């Protein structure tokens, strides 16, 4: 029972269309919020009960020859799965990359000693209040942009957060 030529053409067109739809869905749905520079590392399935993985975002330490801002990469950290997970992730981000992450070429634009005064999440808005400017010499647009991206990307992974506002001792700071 050979398949008629017209049915073969229909099957071939259906398969081609299906592949095109899958490629389009993959390409348009694979970018994390805020930037297309972030790699999509798969989350581990080896967590113990009551724990979760969070992504922290750090810039690459190596400078770029083209004058563009350094790319941001995500790293996975395991934390307790509690309602305070966004604050825990932000505290870990402020602390900077772990030694092995620094050896892997990551850095942070958040100066040592910056403390979190508070994180309030209300109606999808995360209000981050720091005790001092997170980077000495802000005014460098690239540095401020990457620093903002570190904080915002880290917090937007949580479903309760849709928008991030950053302040220093209650005064708006580092807003886009």
N, C-alpha and C. Protein backbone atom coordinates (compact mmCIF):
# COMPACT_ATOMS: atom_id res chain seq x y z
N UNK A 1 0.82 -1.19 0.00
CA UNK A 1 0.00 0.00 0.00
C UNK A 1 0.87 1.25 0.00
N UNK A 2 1.26 1.72 -1.16
CA UNK A 2 2.05 2.94 -1.23
C UNK A 2 1.20 4.16 -0.86
N UNK A 3 1.87 5.14 -0.25
CA UNK A 3 1.19 6.38 0.15
C UNK A 3 1.12 7.28 -1.08
N UNK A 4 -0.09 7.78 -1.37
CA UNK A 4 -0.22 8.65 -2.54
C UNK A 4 0.67 9.90 -2.42
N UNK A 5 1.12 10.43 -3.57
CA UNK A 5 2.04 11.56 -3.61
C UNK A 5 1.44 12.78 -2.90
N UNK A 6 0.15 13.06 -3.05
CA UNK A 6 -0.45 14.24 -2.43
C UNK A 6 -0.43 14.11 -0.90
N UNK A 7 -0.61 12.91 -0.38
CA UNK A 7 -0.56 12.70 1.07
C UNK A 7 0.87 12.86 1.57
N UNK A 8 1.87 12.42 0.80
CA UNK A 8 3.27 12.61 1.17
C UNK A 8 3.60 14.10 1.28
N UNK A 9 3.12 14.88 0.30
CA UNK A 9 3.38 16.32 0.33
C UNK A 9 2.74 16.97 1.56
N UNK A 10 1.52 16.57 1.87
CA UNK A 10 0.83 17.13 3.04
C UNK A 10 1.59 16.76 4.31
N UNK A 11 2.04 15.52 4.42
CA UNK A 11 2.81 15.11 5.59
C UNK A 11 4.12 15.88 5.68
N UNK A 12 4.81 16.05 4.57
CA UNK A 12 6.08 16.78 4.57
C UNK A 12 5.86 18.24 4.97
N UNK A 13 4.79 18.86 4.48
CA UNK A 13 4.51 20.25 4.83
C UNK A 13 4.13 20.36 6.31
N UNK A 14 3.39 19.39 6.82
CA UNK A 14 2.99 19.40 8.22
C UNK A 14 4.21 19.27 9.13
N UNK A 15 5.11 18.36 8.80
CA UNK A 15 6.33 18.19 9.58
C UNK A 15 7.18 19.46 9.52
N UNK A 16 7.33 20.05 8.35
CA UNK A 16 8.12 21.27 8.19
C UNK A 16 7.51 22.40 9.01
N UNK A 17 6.20 22.55 8.95
CA UNK A 17 5.52 23.59 9.71
C UNK A 17 5.69 23.34 11.22
N UNK A 18 5.56 22.11 11.64
CA UNK A 18 5.73 21.77 13.06
C UNK A 18 7.13 22.11 13.56
N UNK A 19 8.15 21.78 12.77
CA UNK A 19 9.53 22.09 13.14
C UNK A 19 9.72 23.60 13.22
N UNK A 20 9.17 24.34 12.28
CA UNK A 20 9.28 25.80 12.30
C UNK A 20 8.62 26.39 13.54
N UNK A 21 7.46 25.87 13.92
CA UNK A 21 6.76 26.36 15.12
C UNK A 21 7.59 26.06 16.36
N UNK A 22 8.15 24.86 16.45
CA UNK A 22 8.97 24.50 17.61
C UNK A 22 10.22 25.38 17.71
N UNK A 23 10.86 25.63 16.60
CA UNK A 23 12.07 26.48 16.61
C UNK A 23 11.70 27.89 17.03
N UNK A 24 10.61 28.43 16.50
CA UNK A 24 10.17 29.76 16.87
C UNK A 24 9.83 29.84 18.35
N UNK A 25 9.12 28.85 18.87
CA UNK A 25 8.77 28.83 20.30
C UNK A 25 10.02 28.76 21.16
N UNK A 26 10.96 27.96 20.74
CA UNK A 26 12.20 27.83 21.52
C UNK A 26 12.98 29.14 21.53
N UNK A 27 13.13 29.76 20.37
CA UNK A 27 13.93 30.98 20.26
C UNK A 27 13.27 32.12 21.03
N UNK A 28 11.97 32.30 20.89
CA UNK A 28 11.32 33.43 21.55
C UNK A 28 11.06 33.18 23.02
N UNK A 29 10.99 31.95 23.45
CA UNK A 29 10.70 31.67 24.85
C UNK A 29 11.90 31.31 25.68
N UNK A 30 13.10 31.34 25.12
CA UNK A 30 14.27 30.88 25.86
C UNK A 30 15.06 32.00 26.51
N UNK A 31 14.61 33.24 26.36
CA UNK A 31 15.37 34.35 26.92
C UNK A 31 14.87 34.71 28.31
N UNK A 32 15.77 34.82 29.29
CA UNK A 32 15.37 35.26 30.61
C UNK A 32 14.98 36.73 30.60
N UNK A 33 14.29 37.20 31.64
CA UNK A 33 13.90 38.61 31.67
C UNK A 33 15.10 39.54 31.61
N UNK A 34 14.91 40.70 31.01
CA UNK A 34 15.84 41.82 30.99
C UNK A 34 16.99 41.72 30.01
N UNK A 35 17.44 40.56 29.68
CA UNK A 35 18.61 40.50 28.81
C UNK A 35 18.64 39.17 28.09
N UNK A 36 19.21 39.16 26.92
CA UNK A 36 19.37 37.92 26.18
C UNK A 36 20.78 37.36 26.35
N UNK A 37 21.59 38.03 27.20
CA UNK A 37 22.98 37.59 27.38
C UNK A 37 23.11 36.48 28.40
N UNK A 38 22.05 36.18 29.14
CA UNK A 38 22.16 35.23 30.23
C UNK A 38 22.04 33.80 29.74
N UNK A 39 22.94 32.92 30.15
CA UNK A 39 22.82 31.53 29.74
C UNK A 39 21.67 30.85 30.48
N UNK A 40 21.06 29.88 29.85
CA UNK A 40 19.96 29.15 30.47
C UNK A 40 20.49 27.84 31.02
N UNK A 41 20.96 27.87 32.24
CA UNK A 41 21.46 26.66 32.88
C UNK A 41 20.28 25.86 33.42
N UNK A 42 20.25 24.54 33.20
CA UNK A 42 19.13 23.77 33.74
C UNK A 42 19.22 23.69 35.25
N UNK A 43 18.06 23.73 35.90
CA UNK A 43 18.02 23.59 37.35
C UNK A 43 18.20 22.12 37.72
N UNK A 44 18.83 21.90 38.82
CA UNK A 44 19.10 20.54 39.28
C UNK A 44 17.84 19.91 39.87
N UNK A 45 17.71 18.63 39.76
CA UNK A 45 16.59 17.90 40.36
C UNK A 45 17.03 17.13 41.59
N UNK A 46 18.16 17.50 42.18
CA UNK A 46 18.69 16.75 43.30
C UNK A 46 18.55 17.49 44.62
N UNK A 47 17.51 18.31 44.76
CA UNK A 47 17.34 19.09 45.98
C UNK A 47 16.72 18.24 47.08
N UNK A 48 17.10 18.55 48.30
CA UNK A 48 16.48 17.89 49.44
C UNK A 48 15.17 18.60 49.76
N UNK A 49 14.30 17.95 50.49
CA UNK A 49 13.00 18.52 50.84
C UNK A 49 13.19 19.84 51.59
N UNK A 50 12.34 20.81 51.28
CA UNK A 50 12.40 22.10 51.95
C UNK A 50 13.48 23.03 51.42
N UNK A 51 14.12 22.67 50.31
CA UNK A 51 15.18 23.50 49.73
C UNK A 51 14.78 23.86 48.30
N UNK A 52 15.39 24.90 47.78
CA UNK A 52 15.17 25.31 46.40
C UNK A 52 16.45 25.93 45.86
N UNK A 53 16.53 25.99 44.55
CA UNK A 53 17.66 26.64 43.92
C UNK A 53 17.24 28.02 43.46
N UNK A 54 18.14 28.97 43.61
CA UNK A 54 17.92 30.32 43.11
C UNK A 54 19.10 30.70 42.23
N UNK A 55 18.83 31.63 41.34
CA UNK A 55 19.89 32.14 40.46
C UNK A 55 20.35 33.48 40.99
N UNK A 56 21.65 33.64 41.03
CA UNK A 56 22.26 34.93 41.33
C UNK A 56 22.98 35.36 40.07
N UNK A 57 23.00 36.65 39.80
CA UNK A 57 23.57 37.15 38.55
C UNK A 57 24.79 38.01 38.82
N UNK A 58 25.90 37.64 38.18
CA UNK A 58 27.17 38.33 38.36
C UNK A 58 27.79 38.63 37.00
N UNK A 59 28.48 39.78 36.88
CA UNK A 59 29.17 40.08 35.62
C UNK A 59 30.48 39.31 35.51
N UNK A 60 30.90 39.13 34.27
CA UNK A 60 32.20 38.52 34.04
C UNK A 60 33.29 39.52 34.41
N UNK A 61 34.34 39.04 35.03
CA UNK A 61 35.41 39.92 35.51
C UNK A 61 36.28 40.44 34.38
N UNK A 62 36.46 39.67 33.34
CA UNK A 62 37.32 40.08 32.23
C UNK A 62 36.70 41.25 31.49
N UNK A 63 37.49 42.26 31.22
CA UNK A 63 37.01 43.40 30.46
C UNK A 63 36.74 43.02 29.02
N UNK A 64 35.97 43.86 28.36
CA UNK A 64 35.66 43.61 26.95
C UNK A 64 36.45 44.57 26.09
N UNK A 65 36.92 44.09 24.98
CA UNK A 65 37.69 44.92 24.05
C UNK A 65 36.80 45.85 23.23
N UNK A 66 35.52 45.52 23.11
CA UNK A 66 34.63 46.30 22.26
C UNK A 66 33.97 47.47 22.97
N UNK A 67 34.30 47.68 24.25
CA UNK A 67 33.76 48.81 24.99
C UNK A 67 32.38 48.59 25.56
N UNK A 68 31.77 47.43 25.30
CA UNK A 68 30.45 47.14 25.83
C UNK A 68 30.55 46.69 27.28
N UNK A 69 29.43 46.74 27.98
CA UNK A 69 29.39 46.27 29.36
C UNK A 69 29.68 44.77 29.40
N UNK A 70 30.26 44.29 30.50
CA UNK A 70 30.54 42.85 30.58
C UNK A 70 29.24 42.05 30.63
N UNK A 71 29.24 40.88 30.05
CA UNK A 71 28.05 40.04 30.10
C UNK A 71 27.78 39.55 31.52
N UNK A 72 26.53 39.27 31.78
CA UNK A 72 26.08 38.77 33.08
C UNK A 72 25.87 37.26 32.94
N UNK A 73 26.31 36.53 33.95
CA UNK A 73 26.07 35.08 33.98
C UNK A 73 25.34 34.73 35.27
N UNK A 74 24.54 33.70 35.20
CA UNK A 74 23.83 33.25 36.40
C UNK A 74 24.56 32.07 37.03
N UNK A 75 24.47 32.01 38.34
CA UNK A 75 24.98 30.86 39.09
C UNK A 75 23.84 30.35 39.96
N UNK A 76 23.86 29.08 40.24
CA UNK A 76 22.83 28.47 41.08
C UNK A 76 23.33 28.34 42.50
N UNK A 77 22.46 28.68 43.43
CA UNK A 77 22.74 28.46 44.85
C UNK A 77 21.52 27.78 45.45
N UNK A 78 21.77 26.94 46.43
CA UNK A 78 20.68 26.24 47.11
C UNK A 78 20.38 26.96 48.42
N UNK A 79 19.09 27.20 48.67
CA UNK A 79 18.66 27.86 49.90
C UNK A 79 17.44 27.14 50.47
N UNK A 80 17.05 27.50 51.70
CA UNK A 80 15.81 26.99 52.27
C UNK A 80 14.65 27.60 51.51
N UNK A 81 13.64 26.78 51.22
CA UNK A 81 12.46 27.25 50.50
C UNK A 81 11.48 27.84 51.51
N UNK A 82 11.68 29.12 51.80
CA UNK A 82 10.86 29.83 52.77
C UNK A 82 10.32 31.10 52.13
N UNK A 83 9.33 31.73 52.74
CA UNK A 83 8.85 33.00 52.20
C UNK A 83 9.93 34.08 52.14
N UNK A 84 11.01 33.91 52.90
CA UNK A 84 12.11 34.88 52.90
C UNK A 84 13.14 34.60 51.80
N UNK A 85 12.84 33.70 50.89
CA UNK A 85 13.80 33.33 49.83
C UNK A 85 14.29 34.54 49.03
N UNK A 86 13.43 35.52 48.65
CA UNK A 86 13.96 36.67 47.91
C UNK A 86 15.00 37.45 48.71
N UNK A 87 14.78 37.65 50.00
CA UNK A 87 15.75 38.36 50.83
C UNK A 87 17.03 37.56 50.95
N UNK A 88 16.92 36.26 51.13
CA UNK A 88 18.10 35.40 51.21
C UNK A 88 18.91 35.50 49.92
N UNK A 89 18.24 35.44 48.77
CA UNK A 89 18.94 35.54 47.48
C UNK A 89 19.62 36.90 47.35
N UNK A 90 18.94 37.96 47.76
CA UNK A 90 19.53 39.30 47.68
C UNK A 90 20.74 39.43 48.61
N UNK A 91 20.64 38.89 49.83
CA UNK A 91 21.78 38.90 50.75
C UNK A 91 22.98 38.17 50.14
N UNK A 92 22.71 37.04 49.49
CA UNK A 92 23.80 36.27 48.86
C UNK A 92 24.40 37.04 47.69
N UNK A 93 23.56 37.73 46.93
CA UNK A 93 24.05 38.54 45.82
C UNK A 93 24.95 39.67 46.34
N UNK A 94 24.52 40.34 47.39
CA UNK A 94 25.30 41.44 47.96
C UNK A 94 26.64 40.93 48.49
N UNK A 95 26.65 39.70 49.02
CA UNK A 95 27.90 39.12 49.53
C UNK A 95 28.90 38.84 48.41
N UNK A 96 28.41 38.71 47.18
CA UNK A 96 29.29 38.52 46.03
C UNK A 96 29.50 37.07 45.66
N UNK A 97 30.24 36.85 44.58
CA UNK A 97 30.49 35.49 44.12
C UNK A 97 31.29 34.69 45.14
N UNK A 98 31.01 33.39 45.21
CA UNK A 98 31.79 32.48 46.04
C UNK A 98 33.20 32.36 45.44
N UNK A 99 34.18 31.94 46.24
CA UNK A 99 35.55 31.83 45.71
C UNK A 99 35.65 31.03 44.40
N UNK A 100 34.93 29.92 44.31
CA UNK A 100 35.01 29.12 43.07
C UNK A 100 34.36 29.85 41.90
N UNK A 101 33.36 30.71 42.17
CA UNK A 101 32.74 31.50 41.11
C UNK A 101 33.70 32.61 40.66
N UNK A 102 34.42 33.20 41.60
CA UNK A 102 35.44 34.20 41.24
C UNK A 102 36.54 33.56 40.40
N UNK A 103 36.95 32.35 40.79
CA UNK A 103 37.96 31.63 40.00
C UNK A 103 37.43 31.32 38.61
N UNK A 104 36.12 31.18 38.49
CA UNK A 104 35.49 30.93 37.19
C UNK A 104 35.30 32.19 36.37
N UNK A 105 35.80 33.33 36.86
CA UNK A 105 35.78 34.55 36.08
C UNK A 105 34.64 35.52 36.39
N UNK A 106 33.95 35.34 37.51
CA UNK A 106 32.85 36.25 37.86
C UNK A 106 33.29 37.26 38.91
N UNK A 107 32.62 38.40 38.92
CA UNK A 107 32.88 39.45 39.89
C UNK A 107 31.54 40.05 40.28
N UNK A 108 31.54 41.15 41.00
CA UNK A 108 30.33 41.89 41.31
C UNK A 108 30.63 43.36 41.23
N UNK A 109 29.61 44.15 40.93
CA UNK A 109 29.76 45.60 40.93
C UNK A 109 29.18 46.19 42.20
N UNK A 110 28.79 45.36 43.15
CA UNK A 110 28.29 45.81 44.44
C UNK A 110 29.49 45.85 45.38
N UNK A 111 29.84 47.04 45.87
CA UNK A 111 31.01 47.19 46.73
C UNK A 111 30.87 46.41 48.03
N UNK A 112 31.99 45.93 48.54
CA UNK A 112 32.02 45.23 49.83
C UNK A 112 31.50 46.16 50.92
N UNK A 113 30.77 45.62 51.84
CA UNK A 113 30.28 46.39 52.97
C UNK A 113 28.89 46.97 52.78
N UNK A 114 28.33 46.91 51.58
CA UNK A 114 26.96 47.38 51.37
C UNK A 114 26.02 46.45 52.14
N UNK A 115 25.08 47.05 52.85
CA UNK A 115 24.13 46.26 53.65
C UNK A 115 22.71 46.53 53.15
N UNK A 116 21.88 45.53 53.31
CA UNK A 116 20.47 45.63 52.95
C UNK A 116 19.70 46.18 54.16
N UNK A 117 19.13 47.38 54.02
CA UNK A 117 18.28 47.93 55.08
C UNK A 117 16.96 47.19 55.13
N UNK A 118 16.45 46.82 53.96
CA UNK A 118 15.18 46.13 53.92
C UNK A 118 14.77 45.77 52.52
N UNK A 119 13.88 44.79 52.45
CA UNK A 119 13.26 44.37 51.20
C UNK A 119 11.78 44.23 51.49
N UNK A 120 10.96 45.06 50.84
CA UNK A 120 9.52 44.99 51.02
C UNK A 120 8.91 44.61 49.68
N UNK A 121 8.10 43.55 49.70
CA UNK A 121 7.41 43.10 48.49
C UNK A 121 5.93 43.37 48.71
N UNK A 122 5.35 44.20 47.83
CA UNK A 122 3.96 44.60 47.96
C UNK A 122 3.34 44.73 46.57
N UNK A 123 2.29 43.98 46.33
CA UNK A 123 1.54 44.04 45.06
C UNK A 123 2.46 43.89 43.86
N UNK A 124 3.42 42.98 43.94
CA UNK A 124 4.33 42.71 42.83
C UNK A 124 5.56 43.59 42.77
N UNK A 125 5.60 44.65 43.57
CA UNK A 125 6.76 45.54 43.60
C UNK A 125 7.71 45.13 44.72
N UNK A 126 8.98 44.97 44.37
CA UNK A 126 10.02 44.72 45.38
C UNK A 126 10.77 46.02 45.58
N UNK A 127 10.72 46.53 46.80
CA UNK A 127 11.43 47.75 47.16
C UNK A 127 12.68 47.36 47.92
N UNK A 128 13.84 47.56 47.29
CA UNK A 128 15.14 47.23 47.87
C UNK A 128 15.73 48.51 48.44
N UNK A 129 16.03 48.52 49.74
CA UNK A 129 16.64 49.69 50.35
C UNK A 129 18.01 49.29 50.89
N UNK A 130 19.05 49.96 50.38
CA UNK A 130 20.43 49.69 50.78
C UNK A 130 20.92 50.78 51.72
N UNK A 131 21.95 50.49 52.50
CA UNK A 131 22.46 51.46 53.47
C UNK A 131 23.37 52.52 52.84
N UNK A 132 23.88 52.25 51.66
CA UNK A 132 24.70 53.24 50.95
C UNK A 132 24.71 52.86 49.48
N UNK A 133 25.20 53.76 48.67
CA UNK A 133 25.25 53.49 47.23
C UNK A 133 26.01 52.19 47.01
N UNK A 134 25.48 51.31 46.19
CA UNK A 134 26.09 49.99 46.02
C UNK A 134 27.40 49.97 45.26
N UNK A 135 27.79 51.10 44.67
CA UNK A 135 29.05 51.13 43.92
C UNK A 135 29.69 52.50 44.06
N UNK A 136 30.96 52.50 44.41
CA UNK A 136 31.70 53.75 44.45
C UNK A 136 31.84 54.27 43.03
N UNK A 137 31.75 55.56 42.91
CA UNK A 137 31.93 56.15 41.58
C UNK A 137 30.78 55.90 40.66
N UNK A 138 29.54 55.74 41.21
CA UNK A 138 28.42 55.61 40.30
C UNK A 138 28.39 56.87 39.46
N UNK A 139 27.87 56.80 38.33
CA UNK A 139 28.00 57.84 37.34
C UNK A 139 28.51 57.19 36.07
N UNK A 140 29.17 56.05 36.24
CA UNK A 140 29.58 55.23 35.11
C UNK A 140 28.34 54.46 34.67
N UNK A 141 27.79 54.82 33.52
CA UNK A 141 26.52 54.26 33.05
C UNK A 141 26.59 52.74 32.90
N UNK A 142 27.69 52.23 32.41
CA UNK A 142 27.82 50.78 32.23
C UNK A 142 27.78 50.08 33.58
N UNK A 143 28.56 50.57 34.53
CA UNK A 143 28.62 49.97 35.87
C UNK A 143 27.25 50.00 36.54
N UNK A 144 26.56 51.14 36.45
CA UNK A 144 25.24 51.26 37.05
C UNK A 144 24.24 50.31 36.39
N UNK A 145 24.32 50.19 35.08
CA UNK A 145 23.41 49.31 34.35
C UNK A 145 23.60 47.85 34.75
N UNK A 146 24.85 47.42 34.81
CA UNK A 146 25.14 46.04 35.18
C UNK A 146 24.74 45.78 36.63
N UNK A 147 25.02 46.73 37.51
CA UNK A 147 24.67 46.60 38.92
C UNK A 147 23.16 46.47 39.07
N UNK A 148 22.41 47.31 38.38
CA UNK A 148 20.94 47.23 38.40
C UNK A 148 20.49 45.86 37.89
N UNK A 149 21.11 45.41 36.81
CA UNK A 149 20.74 44.12 36.22
C UNK A 149 21.00 42.98 37.20
N UNK A 150 22.09 43.05 37.96
CA UNK A 150 22.38 42.03 38.97
C UNK A 150 21.23 41.91 39.96
N UNK A 151 20.81 43.04 40.50
CA UNK A 151 19.76 43.05 41.53
C UNK A 151 18.41 42.67 40.94
N UNK A 152 18.04 43.30 39.83
CA UNK A 152 16.73 43.08 39.24
C UNK A 152 16.57 41.65 38.76
N UNK A 153 17.56 41.12 38.04
CA UNK A 153 17.46 39.75 37.53
C UNK A 153 17.37 38.74 38.66
N UNK A 154 18.11 38.97 39.74
CA UNK A 154 18.06 38.05 40.87
C UNK A 154 16.67 38.03 41.48
N UNK A 155 16.01 39.18 41.59
CA UNK A 155 14.70 39.24 42.23
C UNK A 155 13.54 38.84 41.33
N UNK A 156 13.65 39.09 40.02
CA UNK A 156 12.53 38.79 39.13
C UNK A 156 12.27 37.29 38.94
N UNK A 157 13.15 36.44 39.43
CA UNK A 157 12.90 35.00 39.31
C UNK A 157 11.79 34.53 40.25
N UNK A 158 11.42 35.37 41.22
CA UNK A 158 10.40 35.00 42.18
C UNK A 158 9.02 35.43 41.66
N UNK A 159 8.06 34.50 41.64
CA UNK A 159 6.75 34.80 41.04
C UNK A 159 6.03 35.99 41.66
N UNK A 160 6.28 36.29 42.93
CA UNK A 160 5.60 37.40 43.61
C UNK A 160 6.16 38.76 43.21
N UNK A 161 7.25 38.78 42.43
CA UNK A 161 7.90 40.05 42.09
C UNK A 161 7.79 40.32 40.59
N UNK A 162 7.24 41.49 40.25
CA UNK A 162 7.11 41.90 38.86
C UNK A 162 7.93 43.14 38.53
N UNK A 163 8.30 43.89 39.55
CA UNK A 163 9.01 45.15 39.37
C UNK A 163 9.95 45.35 40.55
N UNK A 164 11.11 45.96 40.29
CA UNK A 164 12.10 46.17 41.36
C UNK A 164 12.47 47.65 41.40
N UNK A 165 12.37 48.23 42.60
CA UNK A 165 12.77 49.61 42.84
C UNK A 165 13.92 49.59 43.83
N UNK A 166 14.98 50.37 43.56
CA UNK A 166 16.17 50.37 44.41
C UNK A 166 16.32 51.75 45.03
N UNK A 167 16.51 51.78 46.36
CA UNK A 167 16.73 53.05 47.06
C UNK A 167 17.92 52.92 47.99
N UNK A 168 18.46 54.08 48.38
CA UNK A 168 19.55 54.16 49.35
C UNK A 168 19.03 54.99 50.52
N UNK A 169 18.92 54.36 51.67
CA UNK A 169 18.36 55.02 52.87
C UNK A 169 17.04 55.72 52.56
N UNK A 170 16.20 55.04 51.76
CA UNK A 170 14.88 55.54 51.44
C UNK A 170 14.81 56.49 50.26
N UNK A 171 15.94 56.90 49.70
CA UNK A 171 15.94 57.81 48.54
C UNK A 171 16.11 57.00 47.26
N UNK A 172 15.23 57.20 46.27
CA UNK A 172 15.34 56.46 45.01
C UNK A 172 16.75 56.56 44.42
N UNK A 173 17.25 55.43 43.97
CA UNK A 173 18.61 55.37 43.42
C UNK A 173 18.65 54.30 42.36
N UNK A 174 19.51 54.47 41.38
CA UNK A 174 19.73 53.46 40.34
C UNK A 174 18.46 53.04 39.63
N UNK A 175 17.58 53.99 39.36
CA UNK A 175 16.37 53.67 38.61
C UNK A 175 16.69 53.80 37.13
N UNK A 176 16.11 52.91 36.31
CA UNK A 176 16.39 53.02 34.86
C UNK A 176 15.87 54.31 34.28
